[in-house]
Amino acid sequence: MSSLDNFKKKLRVGKVYRREELAKFSTAVDRHLAESIADGSLQKLAQGLYYAPKMTAFGIAPPDEEQLIKVFLKGDDYLITSPNYYNALGLGSTQLYNTKRIYNHKRHEDIKLGNRVYQFRRKPKFPKKLTQEYVVVDLLNNLDTLAEDKQVITSALRTKLKNFNAKELNRNANKYGTIATKKLIQEVI
């Protein structure tokens, strides 16, 4: 068995790898990476980031988003969100956005990973899991960057406040909101 075959044998279909991790499998990692990419055993997602493609009936499946972000950031201290989540709040937002935001403590830039561009945004604090109340606070924090009518959103929040846990909304605003968001939530509650 060649060293390349031995290298490929260690790859797990559907898994995202960093170059450092793949270097443990090979004494000639750059050559093995180049050959594996050429024959389709690996796909290069970004500098130093690779994916062992998983085939489906529809072609190659993209990497699992959670795993991709976790490997890229070298940890799980992040929160994946999107402006599309605002539409489910019933506050009048209807635009569709082709973007995902990754709140984290390390990076603040737009990065292409595979075929998708992610907006990494460094935030001092964010919750571990998305809640409806946090999404409201995030919507208000980002209202100026959206293609939505601000007046429609804020008046809808006033009329639909009963749909949200006011105590939790206030807590999220105080913990994660901008000054303007905190002020608006205080007015509404």
N, C-alpha and C. Protein backbone atom coordinates (compact mmCIF):
# COMPACT_ATOMS: atom_id res chain seq x y z
N MET A 1 0.85 -1.19 0.00
CA MET A 1 0.00 0.00 0.00
C MET A 1 0.89 1.24 0.00
N SER A 2 0.58 2.16 -0.90
CA SER A 2 1.39 3.39 -1.00
C SER A 2 1.07 4.33 0.15
N SER A 3 1.95 5.30 0.36
CA SER A 3 1.70 6.27 1.43
C SER A 3 0.47 7.12 1.13
N LEU A 4 0.19 7.37 -0.17
CA LEU A 4 -1.01 8.12 -0.54
C LEU A 4 -2.27 7.33 -0.20
N ASP A 5 -2.26 6.03 -0.49
CA ASP A 5 -3.41 5.17 -0.15
C ASP A 5 -3.62 5.13 1.36
N ASN A 6 -2.52 5.07 2.09
CA ASN A 6 -2.60 5.08 3.55
C ASN A 6 -3.18 6.39 4.06
N PHE A 7 -2.79 7.50 3.43
CA PHE A 7 -3.31 8.83 3.77
C PHE A 7 -4.82 8.88 3.52
N LYS A 8 -5.26 8.45 2.34
CA LYS A 8 -6.68 8.49 1.97
C LYS A 8 -7.52 7.56 2.85
N LYS A 9 -6.92 6.48 3.30
CA LYS A 9 -7.63 5.52 4.15
C LYS A 9 -8.05 6.16 5.48
N LYS A 10 -7.28 7.15 5.92
CA LYS A 10 -7.58 7.81 7.20
C LYS A 10 -8.65 8.89 7.08
N LEU A 11 -8.99 9.29 5.85
CA LEU A 11 -10.01 10.32 5.65
C LEU A 11 -11.40 9.75 5.92
N ARG A 12 -12.24 10.53 6.56
CA ARG A 12 -13.62 10.14 6.84
C ARG A 12 -14.55 10.98 5.98
N VAL A 13 -15.39 10.32 5.21
CA VAL A 13 -16.31 11.00 4.30
C VAL A 13 -17.22 11.95 5.09
N GLY A 14 -17.35 13.20 4.58
CA GLY A 14 -18.22 14.19 5.21
C GLY A 14 -17.55 15.01 6.30
N LYS A 15 -16.26 14.75 6.55
CA LYS A 15 -15.57 15.44 7.63
C LYS A 15 -14.75 16.62 7.09
N VAL A 16 -14.68 17.69 7.88
CA VAL A 16 -13.87 18.87 7.56
C VAL A 16 -12.57 18.75 8.35
N TYR A 17 -11.45 19.03 7.68
CA TYR A 17 -10.13 18.91 8.30
C TYR A 17 -9.35 20.21 8.17
N ARG A 18 -8.51 20.45 9.16
CA ARG A 18 -7.48 21.48 9.06
C ARG A 18 -6.21 20.80 8.56
N ARG A 19 -5.35 21.58 7.93
CA ARG A 19 -4.11 21.02 7.40
C ARG A 19 -3.29 20.35 8.50
N GLU A 20 -3.25 20.96 9.68
CA GLU A 20 -2.47 20.39 10.79
C GLU A 20 -2.92 18.97 11.13
N GLU A 21 -4.24 18.76 11.09
CA GLU A 21 -4.78 17.44 11.41
C GLU A 21 -4.38 16.43 10.33
N LEU A 22 -4.42 16.85 9.07
CA LEU A 22 -4.04 15.96 7.97
C LEU A 22 -2.54 15.68 7.95
N ALA A 23 -1.76 16.61 8.46
CA ALA A 23 -0.30 16.43 8.50
C ALA A 23 0.08 15.25 9.38
N LYS A 24 -0.76 14.89 10.33
CA LYS A 24 -0.48 13.74 11.21
C LYS A 24 -0.57 12.43 10.44
N PHE A 25 -1.30 12.44 9.32
CA PHE A 25 -1.51 11.22 8.53
C PHE A 25 -0.43 11.01 7.47
N SER A 26 0.48 11.96 7.30
CA SER A 26 1.38 11.91 6.15
C SER A 26 2.74 12.51 6.46
N THR A 27 3.76 12.00 5.78
CA THR A 27 5.09 12.59 5.87
C THR A 27 5.32 13.56 4.72
N ALA A 28 4.42 13.52 3.72
CA ALA A 28 4.49 14.44 2.57
C ALA A 28 3.11 15.05 2.37
N VAL A 29 2.65 15.80 3.34
CA VAL A 29 1.27 16.26 3.38
C VAL A 29 0.89 17.13 2.18
N ASP A 30 1.78 18.02 1.76
CA ASP A 30 1.44 18.90 0.65
C ASP A 30 1.25 18.12 -0.65
N ARG A 31 2.10 17.15 -0.89
CA ARG A 31 1.96 16.31 -2.08
C ARG A 31 0.67 15.49 -2.00
N HIS A 32 0.42 14.90 -0.84
CA HIS A 32 -0.80 14.09 -0.66
C HIS A 32 -2.06 14.94 -0.77
N LEU A 33 -2.02 16.16 -0.26
CA LEU A 33 -3.17 17.07 -0.40
C LEU A 33 -3.42 17.39 -1.87
N ALA A 34 -2.37 17.74 -2.59
CA ALA A 34 -2.51 18.08 -4.01
C ALA A 34 -3.07 16.90 -4.80
N GLU A 35 -2.55 15.70 -4.55
CA GLU A 35 -3.03 14.51 -5.27
C GLU A 35 -4.47 14.17 -4.87
N SER A 36 -4.80 14.34 -3.62
CA SER A 36 -6.16 14.03 -3.15
C SER A 36 -7.18 15.03 -3.70
N ILE A 37 -6.78 16.29 -3.82
CA ILE A 37 -7.66 17.29 -4.42
C ILE A 37 -7.84 17.00 -5.90
N ALA A 38 -6.75 16.62 -6.58
CA ALA A 38 -6.81 16.33 -8.01
C ALA A 38 -7.73 15.15 -8.32
N ASP A 39 -7.73 14.13 -7.46
CA ASP A 39 -8.58 12.96 -7.75
C ASP A 39 -9.96 13.04 -7.07
N GLY A 40 -10.22 14.15 -6.36
CA GLY A 40 -11.55 14.35 -5.76
C GLY A 40 -11.74 13.73 -4.38
N SER A 41 -10.69 13.19 -3.79
CA SER A 41 -10.81 12.62 -2.44
C SER A 41 -10.96 13.71 -1.39
N LEU A 42 -10.45 14.91 -1.72
CA LEU A 42 -10.57 16.07 -0.84
C LEU A 42 -10.97 17.28 -1.67
N GLN A 43 -11.63 18.23 -1.02
CA GLN A 43 -11.92 19.53 -1.61
C GLN A 43 -11.30 20.59 -0.72
N LYS A 44 -10.71 21.59 -1.34
CA LYS A 44 -10.15 22.70 -0.57
C LYS A 44 -11.26 23.72 -0.35
N LEU A 45 -11.56 24.03 0.90
CA LEU A 45 -12.61 24.99 1.25
C LEU A 45 -12.06 26.39 1.43
N ALA A 46 -10.87 26.47 1.99
CA ALA A 46 -10.19 27.75 2.24
C ALA A 46 -8.74 27.41 2.55
N GLN A 47 -7.93 28.43 2.76
CA GLN A 47 -6.52 28.19 3.09
C GLN A 47 -6.42 27.32 4.33
N GLY A 48 -5.84 26.12 4.18
CA GLY A 48 -5.64 25.22 5.32
C GLY A 48 -6.88 24.48 5.77
N LEU A 49 -7.98 24.52 4.99
CA LEU A 49 -9.24 23.88 5.38
C LEU A 49 -9.72 22.98 4.23
N TYR A 50 -9.97 21.71 4.56
CA TYR A 50 -10.30 20.72 3.54
C TYR A 50 -11.53 19.91 3.95
N TYR A 51 -12.18 19.33 2.95
CA TYR A 51 -13.41 18.57 3.16
C TYR A 51 -13.31 17.25 2.38
N ALA A 52 -13.59 16.14 3.06
CA ALA A 52 -13.68 14.84 2.40
C ALA A 52 -15.11 14.72 1.90
N PRO A 53 -15.35 14.91 0.60
CA PRO A 53 -16.72 15.02 0.09
C PRO A 53 -17.57 13.77 0.29
N LYS A 54 -18.84 14.05 0.56
CA LYS A 54 -19.83 13.00 0.75
C LYS A 54 -20.74 13.01 -0.48
N MET A 55 -20.85 11.90 -1.14
CA MET A 55 -21.69 11.80 -2.34
C MET A 55 -23.13 11.44 -1.94
N THR A 56 -24.07 12.10 -2.61
CA THR A 56 -25.48 11.79 -2.44
C THR A 56 -26.06 11.52 -3.83
N ALA A 57 -27.33 11.20 -3.90
CA ALA A 57 -27.99 10.97 -5.18
C ALA A 57 -28.00 12.24 -6.03
N PHE A 58 -27.84 13.40 -5.38
CA PHE A 58 -27.89 14.68 -6.08
C PHE A 58 -26.50 15.27 -6.33
N GLY A 59 -25.46 14.52 -6.02
CA GLY A 59 -24.10 15.01 -6.21
C GLY A 59 -23.39 15.13 -4.86
N ILE A 60 -22.39 15.98 -4.83
CA ILE A 60 -21.59 16.16 -3.60
C ILE A 60 -22.36 17.02 -2.61
N ALA A 61 -22.52 16.50 -1.40
CA ALA A 61 -23.19 17.25 -0.33
C ALA A 61 -22.22 18.28 0.24
N PRO A 62 -22.71 19.47 0.56
CA PRO A 62 -21.81 20.44 1.20
C PRO A 62 -21.46 19.97 2.61
N PRO A 63 -20.38 20.49 3.16
CA PRO A 63 -20.02 20.11 4.53
C PRO A 63 -21.07 20.58 5.53
N ASP A 64 -21.19 19.86 6.62
CA ASP A 64 -22.09 20.26 7.70
C ASP A 64 -21.64 21.63 8.21
N GLU A 65 -22.58 22.58 8.23
CA GLU A 65 -22.24 23.96 8.58
C GLU A 65 -21.67 24.09 9.99
N GLU A 66 -22.26 23.40 10.95
CA GLU A 66 -21.77 23.47 12.33
C GLU A 66 -20.32 22.96 12.41
N GLN A 67 -20.06 21.82 11.77
CA GLN A 67 -18.72 21.24 11.79
C GLN A 67 -17.73 22.16 11.08
N LEU A 68 -18.14 22.73 9.96
CA LEU A 68 -17.29 23.63 9.18
C LEU A 68 -16.85 24.83 10.02
N ILE A 69 -17.81 25.47 10.67
CA ILE A 69 -17.50 26.66 11.48
C ILE A 69 -16.66 26.28 12.70
N LYS A 70 -16.99 25.16 13.31
CA LYS A 70 -16.25 24.71 14.49
C LYS A 70 -14.78 24.45 14.15
N VAL A 71 -14.53 23.77 13.03
CA VAL A 71 -13.15 23.49 12.62
C VAL A 71 -12.45 24.78 12.22
N PHE A 72 -13.14 25.64 11.50
CA PHE A 72 -12.53 26.90 11.05
C PHE A 72 -12.12 27.76 12.24
N LEU A 73 -13.01 27.90 13.23
CA LEU A 73 -12.72 28.75 14.39
C LEU A 73 -11.90 28.03 15.48
N LYS A 74 -11.65 26.75 15.28
CA LYS A 74 -10.92 25.93 16.25
C LYS A 74 -11.60 25.94 17.62
N GLY A 75 -12.91 25.80 17.62
CA GLY A 75 -13.65 25.76 18.87
C GLY A 75 -15.14 25.95 18.62
N ASP A 76 -15.90 25.85 19.69
CA ASP A 76 -17.35 25.94 19.53
C ASP A 76 -17.97 27.15 20.23
N ASP A 77 -17.17 28.20 20.41
CA ASP A 77 -17.67 29.41 21.04
C ASP A 77 -18.12 30.40 19.96
N TYR A 78 -19.29 30.13 19.38
CA TYR A 78 -19.83 30.96 18.30
C TYR A 78 -21.34 30.77 18.26
N LEU A 79 -22.00 31.63 17.51
CA LEU A 79 -23.44 31.53 17.31
C LEU A 79 -23.73 31.83 15.84
N ILE A 80 -24.40 30.90 15.17
CA ILE A 80 -24.77 31.10 13.76
C ILE A 80 -26.14 31.74 13.72
N THR A 81 -26.24 32.83 12.99
CA THR A 81 -27.52 33.52 12.84
C THR A 81 -27.63 34.05 11.41
N SER A 82 -28.81 34.53 11.07
CA SER A 82 -29.05 35.05 9.73
C SER A 82 -30.17 36.08 9.79
N PRO A 83 -30.11 37.12 8.95
CA PRO A 83 -31.23 38.06 8.89
C PRO A 83 -32.54 37.39 8.47
N ASN A 84 -32.47 36.23 7.84
CA ASN A 84 -33.69 35.51 7.45
C ASN A 84 -34.49 35.05 8.66
N TYR A 85 -33.84 34.87 9.80
CA TYR A 85 -34.54 34.44 11.02
C TYR A 85 -35.51 35.52 11.51
N TYR A 86 -35.27 36.77 11.12
CA TYR A 86 -36.14 37.86 11.55
C TYR A 86 -37.56 37.70 10.97
N ASN A 87 -37.67 37.09 9.80
CA ASN A 87 -38.97 36.94 9.14
C ASN A 87 -39.94 36.10 9.96
N ALA A 88 -39.44 35.17 10.75
CA ALA A 88 -40.29 34.29 11.54
C ALA A 88 -40.87 34.98 12.78
N LEU A 89 -40.43 36.19 13.08
CA LEU A 89 -40.89 36.90 14.28
C LEU A 89 -42.27 37.51 14.11
N GLY A 90 -42.71 37.68 12.87
CA GLY A 90 -44.02 38.30 12.62
C GLY A 90 -44.03 39.79 12.86
N LEU A 91 -42.88 40.43 12.65
CA LEU A 91 -42.78 41.88 12.89
C LEU A 91 -42.73 42.68 11.60
N GLY A 92 -43.06 42.05 10.48
CA GLY A 92 -43.12 42.77 9.22
C GLY A 92 -41.91 42.64 8.34
N SER A 93 -40.87 41.93 8.78
CA SER A 93 -39.71 41.75 7.91
C SER A 93 -39.99 40.60 6.95
N THR A 94 -39.72 40.83 5.67
CA THR A 94 -40.02 39.82 4.65
C THR A 94 -38.88 39.59 3.68
N GLN A 95 -37.83 40.38 3.78
CA GLN A 95 -36.71 40.24 2.85
C GLN A 95 -36.00 38.90 3.06
N LEU A 96 -35.47 38.36 1.96
CA LEU A 96 -34.64 37.17 2.05
C LEU A 96 -33.20 37.58 1.79
N TYR A 97 -32.30 37.09 2.61
CA TYR A 97 -30.89 37.44 2.52
C TYR A 97 -30.08 36.18 2.27
N ASN A 98 -29.07 36.31 1.46
CA ASN A 98 -28.20 35.18 1.16
C ASN A 98 -26.94 35.30 2.01
N THR A 99 -27.12 35.32 3.31
CA THR A 99 -25.98 35.51 4.20
C THR A 99 -26.21 34.81 5.53
N LYS A 100 -25.12 34.40 6.12
CA LYS A 100 -25.13 33.86 7.48
C LYS A 100 -24.11 34.67 8.27
N ARG A 101 -24.47 35.03 9.49
CA ARG A 101 -23.55 35.73 10.38
C ARG A 101 -23.09 34.76 11.46
N ILE A 102 -21.82 34.82 11.74
CA ILE A 102 -21.25 33.98 12.78
C ILE A 102 -20.71 34.93 13.85
N TYR A 103 -21.42 35.00 14.98
CA TYR A 103 -20.94 35.80 16.10
C TYR A 103 -19.90 34.97 16.84
N ASN A 104 -18.75 35.58 17.08
CA ASN A 104 -17.65 34.86 17.73
C ASN A 104 -16.75 35.88 18.43
N HIS A 105 -15.71 35.37 19.08
CA HIS A 105 -14.79 36.24 19.81
C HIS A 105 -13.45 36.43 19.10
N LYS A 106 -13.26 35.80 17.92
CA LYS A 106 -11.95 35.79 17.28
C LYS A 106 -11.87 36.63 16.00
N ARG A 107 -12.86 36.52 15.12
CA ARG A 107 -12.74 37.09 13.77
C ARG A 107 -13.82 38.10 13.48
N HIS A 108 -13.46 39.09 12.63
CA HIS A 108 -14.42 40.09 12.17
C HIS A 108 -14.12 40.39 10.71
N GLU A 109 -14.68 39.56 9.83
CA GLU A 109 -14.45 39.69 8.40
C GLU A 109 -15.42 38.79 7.65
N ASP A 110 -15.54 39.03 6.35
CA ASP A 110 -16.32 38.15 5.49
C ASP A 110 -15.34 37.15 4.89
N ILE A 111 -15.66 35.86 5.02
CA ILE A 111 -14.75 34.81 4.56
C ILE A 111 -15.52 33.80 3.72
N LYS A 112 -14.93 33.43 2.60
CA LYS A 112 -15.53 32.40 1.75
C LYS A 112 -15.00 31.04 2.20
N LEU A 113 -15.92 30.19 2.60
CA LEU A 113 -15.60 28.82 2.98
C LEU A 113 -16.35 27.91 2.03
N GLY A 114 -15.63 27.25 1.15
CA GLY A 114 -16.29 26.45 0.13
C GLY A 114 -16.96 27.37 -0.86
N ASN A 115 -18.25 27.17 -1.08
CA ASN A 115 -18.99 27.99 -2.04
C ASN A 115 -19.84 29.07 -1.38
N ARG A 116 -19.62 29.32 -0.11
CA ARG A 116 -20.46 30.26 0.62
C ARG A 116 -19.63 31.30 1.37
N VAL A 117 -20.14 32.51 1.39
CA VAL A 117 -19.46 33.57 2.13
C VAL A 117 -20.17 33.74 3.48
N TYR A 118 -19.40 33.71 4.54
CA TYR A 118 -19.92 33.89 5.89
C TYR A 118 -19.44 35.23 6.43
N GLN A 119 -20.32 35.89 7.17
CA GLN A 119 -19.96 37.15 7.82
C GLN A 119 -19.58 36.84 9.26
N PHE A 120 -18.30 36.80 9.54
CA PHE A 120 -17.84 36.59 10.91
C PHE A 120 -17.84 37.95 11.59
N ARG A 121 -18.52 38.03 12.72
CA ARG A 121 -18.61 39.28 13.46
C ARG A 121 -18.18 39.03 14.90
N ARG A 122 -17.16 39.79 15.32
CA ARG A 122 -16.66 39.66 16.68
C ARG A 122 -17.62 40.40 17.61
N LYS A 123 -18.11 39.69 18.60
CA LYS A 123 -19.03 40.26 19.59
C LYS A 123 -18.50 39.94 20.98
N PRO A 124 -18.62 40.87 21.90
CA PRO A 124 -18.14 40.58 23.26
C PRO A 124 -19.00 39.52 23.96
N LYS A 125 -20.32 39.53 23.64
CA LYS A 125 -21.23 38.57 24.28
C LYS A 125 -22.30 38.14 23.28
N PHE A 126 -22.69 36.88 23.38
CA PHE A 126 -23.81 36.34 22.63
C PHE A 126 -24.24 35.05 23.34
N PRO A 127 -25.51 34.67 23.19
CA PRO A 127 -25.97 33.47 23.88
C PRO A 127 -25.45 32.20 23.21
N LYS A 128 -25.54 31.08 23.91
CA LYS A 128 -25.14 29.79 23.34
C LYS A 128 -26.15 29.31 22.30
N LYS A 129 -27.43 29.62 22.54
CA LYS A 129 -28.50 29.17 21.63
C LYS A 129 -29.39 30.34 21.27
N LEU A 130 -29.95 30.26 20.07
CA LEU A 130 -30.90 31.29 19.63
C LEU A 130 -32.23 31.11 20.33
N THR A 131 -32.79 32.21 20.80
CA THR A 131 -34.15 32.22 21.32
C THR A 131 -34.90 33.30 20.54
N GLN A 132 -36.19 33.23 20.57
CA GLN A 132 -37.01 34.21 19.86
C GLN A 132 -36.71 35.62 20.37
N GLU A 133 -36.55 35.75 21.67
CA GLU A 133 -36.29 37.06 22.27
C GLU A 133 -34.91 37.60 21.85
N TYR A 134 -33.92 36.72 21.76
CA TYR A 134 -32.61 37.17 21.30
C TYR A 134 -32.67 37.61 19.84
N VAL A 135 -33.43 36.90 19.02
CA VAL A 135 -33.55 37.26 17.60
C VAL A 135 -34.20 38.65 17.47
N VAL A 136 -35.15 38.97 18.35
CA VAL A 136 -35.75 40.32 18.35
C VAL A 136 -34.67 41.35 18.65
N VAL A 137 -33.86 41.10 19.66
CA VAL A 137 -32.78 42.03 20.03
C VAL A 137 -31.78 42.14 18.89
N ASP A 138 -31.43 41.03 18.27
CA ASP A 138 -30.50 41.05 17.14
C ASP A 138 -31.08 41.84 15.97
N LEU A 139 -32.36 41.67 15.72
CA LEU A 139 -33.04 42.44 14.67
C LEU A 139 -32.92 43.94 14.94
N LEU A 140 -33.22 44.33 16.16
CA LEU A 140 -33.14 45.76 16.51
C LEU A 140 -31.70 46.27 16.46
N ASN A 141 -30.74 45.44 16.86
CA ASN A 141 -29.33 45.83 16.78
C ASN A 141 -28.89 46.09 15.34
N ASN A 142 -29.46 45.32 14.40
CA ASN A 142 -29.04 45.39 13.00
C ASN A 142 -30.03 46.12 12.10
N LEU A 143 -31.00 46.79 12.67
CA LEU A 143 -32.07 47.43 11.90
C LEU A 143 -31.55 48.38 10.82
N ASP A 144 -30.47 49.10 11.11
CA ASP A 144 -29.93 50.06 10.13
C ASP A 144 -29.30 49.38 8.92
N THR A 145 -28.93 48.12 9.04
CA THR A 145 -28.28 47.42 7.92
C THR A 145 -29.27 46.65 7.06
N LEU A 146 -30.54 46.66 7.43
CA LEU A 146 -31.54 45.86 6.72
C LEU A 146 -32.31 46.69 5.70
N ALA A 147 -32.87 45.99 4.73
CA ALA A 147 -33.69 46.64 3.70
C ALA A 147 -35.16 46.63 4.12
N GLU A 148 -35.41 46.87 5.37
CA GLU A 148 -36.76 46.85 5.93
C GLU A 148 -37.15 48.27 6.37
N ASP A 149 -38.45 48.50 6.47
CA ASP A 149 -38.95 49.78 6.96
C ASP A 149 -38.86 49.76 8.49
N LYS A 150 -38.03 50.60 9.05
CA LYS A 150 -37.80 50.60 10.50
C LYS A 150 -39.07 50.92 11.28
N GLN A 151 -39.85 51.85 10.76
CA GLN A 151 -41.09 52.23 11.45
C GLN A 151 -42.06 51.05 11.53
N VAL A 152 -42.18 50.29 10.45
CA VAL A 152 -43.08 49.13 10.43
C VAL A 152 -42.65 48.11 11.49
N ILE A 153 -41.35 47.86 11.56
CA ILE A 153 -40.83 46.88 12.52
C ILE A 153 -41.07 47.33 13.96
N THR A 154 -40.72 48.57 14.27
CA THR A 154 -40.86 49.04 15.66
C THR A 154 -42.32 49.15 16.07
N SER A 155 -43.21 49.57 15.17
CA SER A 155 -44.63 49.63 15.55
C SER A 155 -45.21 48.22 15.67
N ALA A 156 -44.74 47.28 14.85
CA ALA A 156 -45.21 45.89 14.96
C ALA A 156 -44.76 45.29 16.29
N LEU A 157 -43.56 45.65 16.74
CA LEU A 157 -43.07 45.16 18.03
C LEU A 157 -43.96 45.67 19.16
N ARG A 158 -44.37 46.91 19.07
CA ARG A 158 -45.25 47.47 20.10
C ARG A 158 -46.59 46.71 20.17
N THR A 159 -47.14 46.37 19.01
CA THR A 159 -48.45 45.70 18.99
C THR A 159 -48.36 44.20 19.25
N LYS A 160 -47.21 43.60 18.98
CA LYS A 160 -47.09 42.15 19.13
C LYS A 160 -46.21 41.74 20.31
N LEU A 161 -46.03 42.63 21.24
CA LEU A 161 -45.20 42.35 22.40
C LEU A 161 -45.68 41.13 23.18
N LYS A 162 -47.00 40.93 23.18
CA LYS A 162 -47.55 39.79 23.94
C LYS A 162 -47.08 38.44 23.39
N ASN A 163 -46.58 38.41 22.15
CA ASN A 163 -46.08 37.17 21.56
C ASN A 163 -44.72 36.76 22.12
N PHE A 164 -44.10 37.66 22.86
CA PHE A 164 -42.77 37.41 23.40
C PHE A 164 -42.79 37.45 24.91
N ASN A 165 -41.83 36.79 25.52
CA ASN A 165 -41.66 36.83 26.97
C ASN A 165 -40.98 38.15 27.31
N ALA A 166 -41.74 39.09 27.87
CA ALA A 166 -41.24 40.44 28.12
C ALA A 166 -40.02 40.45 29.05
N LYS A 167 -40.04 39.60 30.06
CA LYS A 167 -38.92 39.53 31.00
C LYS A 167 -37.65 39.05 30.28
N GLU A 168 -37.80 38.02 29.45
CA GLU A 168 -36.67 37.47 28.70
C GLU A 168 -36.18 38.47 27.64
N LEU A 169 -37.11 39.18 27.03
CA LEU A 169 -36.77 40.20 26.04
C LEU A 169 -35.94 41.31 26.69
N ASN A 170 -36.36 41.75 27.85
CA ASN A 170 -35.66 42.79 28.60
C ASN A 170 -34.26 42.30 29.01
N ARG A 171 -34.19 41.05 29.47
CA ARG A 171 -32.90 40.47 29.89
C ARG A 171 -31.94 40.41 28.70
N ASN A 172 -32.43 39.94 27.53
CA ASN A 172 -31.60 39.85 26.33
C ASN A 172 -31.16 41.24 25.86
N ALA A 173 -32.07 42.21 25.93
CA ALA A 173 -31.73 43.58 25.52
C ALA A 173 -30.63 44.15 26.41
N ASN A 174 -30.77 43.95 27.72
CA ASN A 174 -29.76 44.46 28.66
C ASN A 174 -28.41 43.79 28.48
N LYS A 175 -28.42 42.50 28.14
CA LYS A 175 -27.19 41.74 28.03
C LYS A 175 -26.52 41.89 26.65
N TYR A 176 -27.33 41.93 25.58
CA TYR A 176 -26.76 41.88 24.22
C TYR A 176 -27.10 43.07 23.34
N GLY A 177 -27.97 43.95 23.81
CA GLY A 177 -28.45 45.03 22.96
C GLY A 177 -27.55 46.25 22.93
N THR A 178 -27.67 47.00 21.83
CA THR A 178 -27.00 48.29 21.74
C THR A 178 -27.78 49.27 22.63
N ILE A 179 -27.26 50.45 22.80
CA ILE A 179 -27.94 51.47 23.61
C ILE A 179 -29.32 51.77 23.03
N ALA A 180 -29.40 51.92 21.71
CA ALA A 180 -30.68 52.21 21.05
C ALA A 180 -31.67 51.06 21.24
N THR A 181 -31.18 49.82 21.16
CA THR A 181 -32.05 48.65 21.35
C THR A 181 -32.57 48.60 22.78
N LYS A 182 -31.70 48.82 23.75
CA LYS A 182 -32.11 48.82 25.16
C LYS A 182 -33.19 49.88 25.39
N LYS A 183 -32.97 51.06 24.82
CA LYS A 183 -33.91 52.16 25.00
C LYS A 183 -35.28 51.81 24.38
N LEU A 184 -35.27 51.24 23.18
CA LEU A 184 -36.52 50.88 22.51
C LEU A 184 -37.27 49.80 23.28
N ILE A 185 -36.55 48.79 23.75
CA ILE A 185 -37.19 47.71 24.51
C ILE A 185 -37.80 48.27 25.80
N GLN A 186 -37.10 49.18 26.46
CA GLN A 186 -37.64 49.80 27.69
C GLN A 186 -38.92 50.56 27.38
N GLU A 187 -38.95 51.28 26.25
CA GLU A 187 -40.15 52.02 25.87
C GLU A 187 -41.32 51.09 25.59
N VAL A 188 -41.04 50.01 24.91
CA VAL A 188 -42.09 49.07 24.49
C VAL A 188 -42.66 48.30 25.68
N ILE A 189 -41.79 47.91 26.58
CA ILE A 189 -42.23 47.12 27.75
C ILE A 189 -42.88 48.06 28.74
